Amino acid sequence: MRSEEDLTQTLRVAADQVRKPPGTLADAVASRRRARRTRQRAQMALAAAAVVIVAGGTAAVLSDGGGRVEPAVTVMTGPPSDAVPKLQLKPAAEVWPQAVFKMPTKATDGWKYRPVTGLSATEVLLTAESSFEKAGRLEVYDAATGTARTLGDMPAPAGVKGYFSQAVEVGEKYFAWYGETPNNSDKWADFWVMPREGGTARQVGEVTGDLSLVETIAVTDEHLVWSVRQGGVYRIPLTGGAPERMEGTDGLHLTSWPMAAGHAPGERGQKNVNRMVNLETGQSTEIQAPPGVTSLTCGAAWCFGRQRDRSVRQHLDGSGRELLPEGLEFSGGEQLLGDRFARVMPVVGGDPAKYRIPAAAVYDPATGLAAGIGKVSPTGGGSFGVGTSSSPTTIMYWDEDKEQYRECETEPPSADSPGGSETCESKERGGGTRFTVLNLLAVKPGS
């Protein structure tokens, strides 16, 4: 998660879905950003964190263990409905066939791959993990050739215990990332760069105190740039030196270089972006949220928000404002993908044993097309992953071969439950060898 604000919004959405009547797909949203501190970690309904269903309700169990947030969401519902889905979405492979491919989940040495973002229409940047959440090198997978190549190692600094590399960013000349010791109480982070063509990574510098509360990073030809959770943008020369605060960035948060966003006052998880600033030119664009809209989130060209029970999109200048199709819910926070798309949750209803019910969806404001991601199993479970780049990723991925199922136990009658009760646990089987990947860089304008 990027911040406690995002976690609040996530839980709010999940709670809203629980309150919906039986037969509606309960959507639990978990946005991946690597954990900034232990208190921020949330892992929703994965193999290591069960989703429990009691008397038809849905409860998400959050894990506060070590490591970073798994970039996935698992959805569980009560008994399936016989209703026809309200919104029938085609799979991404049918909507954008040129952008969907399969790749191994592991490197040849057994290290697990985690997609980061697209580098081109066929190439995807990956981290390879020696153990859970322990990224150890960068690789590139080319869907055109079906091969991966190693760029270089992601080392840990000498003498630092409990070190984890965090979100990777792509610049024109460099890859960059930062590291933390998230299980320790110290406020500390360091920054690394590696040439785009690959090679030896080098540490750019270290920061402590509030400057170490890294939120988003960027890398230019000369500086590594980052924003902190309390607002403000800093930079440090790639050649090393002292960090400096960039002038005029009070309250700003990096989105994707060179853009940074400011927010209007509001409740956590519902604040609207009210300006976008180009940090290279200094140009500031005021953003006007429509009446009643909350969680307005903007990228380089588009903004998305929530308007009561519907979602809305518009250009930065307010033009092109339209409601999203009914049944596609934008939950705010980190839902943008690249500079054009939004990740949304489909509220479709229906019986997943009879209809293909997607676990998530991608919406393209330029064409109005929406595509389903993954699928919900007949028992009501499904999962997907989101690329782990610092700026908005262009990647979503899932395991088509993984099956969700439930194991249930019946509790005998008690004083609290005279009729007895049933507790079910979400589990997975199969899969684990191939990801299906949607690379939005392969979706051309107008397609």
Foldseek 3Di string as FASTA:
>chain_A
DLDVLQVVLQVVQQVVQQPDDALWFRFRDDAFFFDLALVPAWEWDDQVWWWKAWPFGTDTGTDSDDATYFQKYKTFGGAADADFWPDAFAAPCVVQVLQKDKAWQADPVRFGWFWAFAPFSFKTKIFTAPDVQATFFIKIAGRVVRDIDTQGTDDDDPPDPQKGWGFWADEPFWIKTKIDNRHDPFQKMWMWIATPNGDDIDTQGMDGDQVSQFRFWYDYPFWIKTAHPQWFIWIAGSNHDDIDTQPPGGQWHDAYAPKIWHWDDDDRQWIATQWIAHSVVRDIQGADDPPQWTLWDAAPFKTKTDRVQWIWMAGRNRPPIDTQPPQWAQSHDQQDAPHFKGKTAGGIGHQCVVGWAASTWIAGSQASHIHGHFGAARSSITMKGARHHRHHHQKIKGWNFKHKDKDKDWAAADPVRNRTMMMIIIHIDTTNTMMIMRHNSSPDRPD
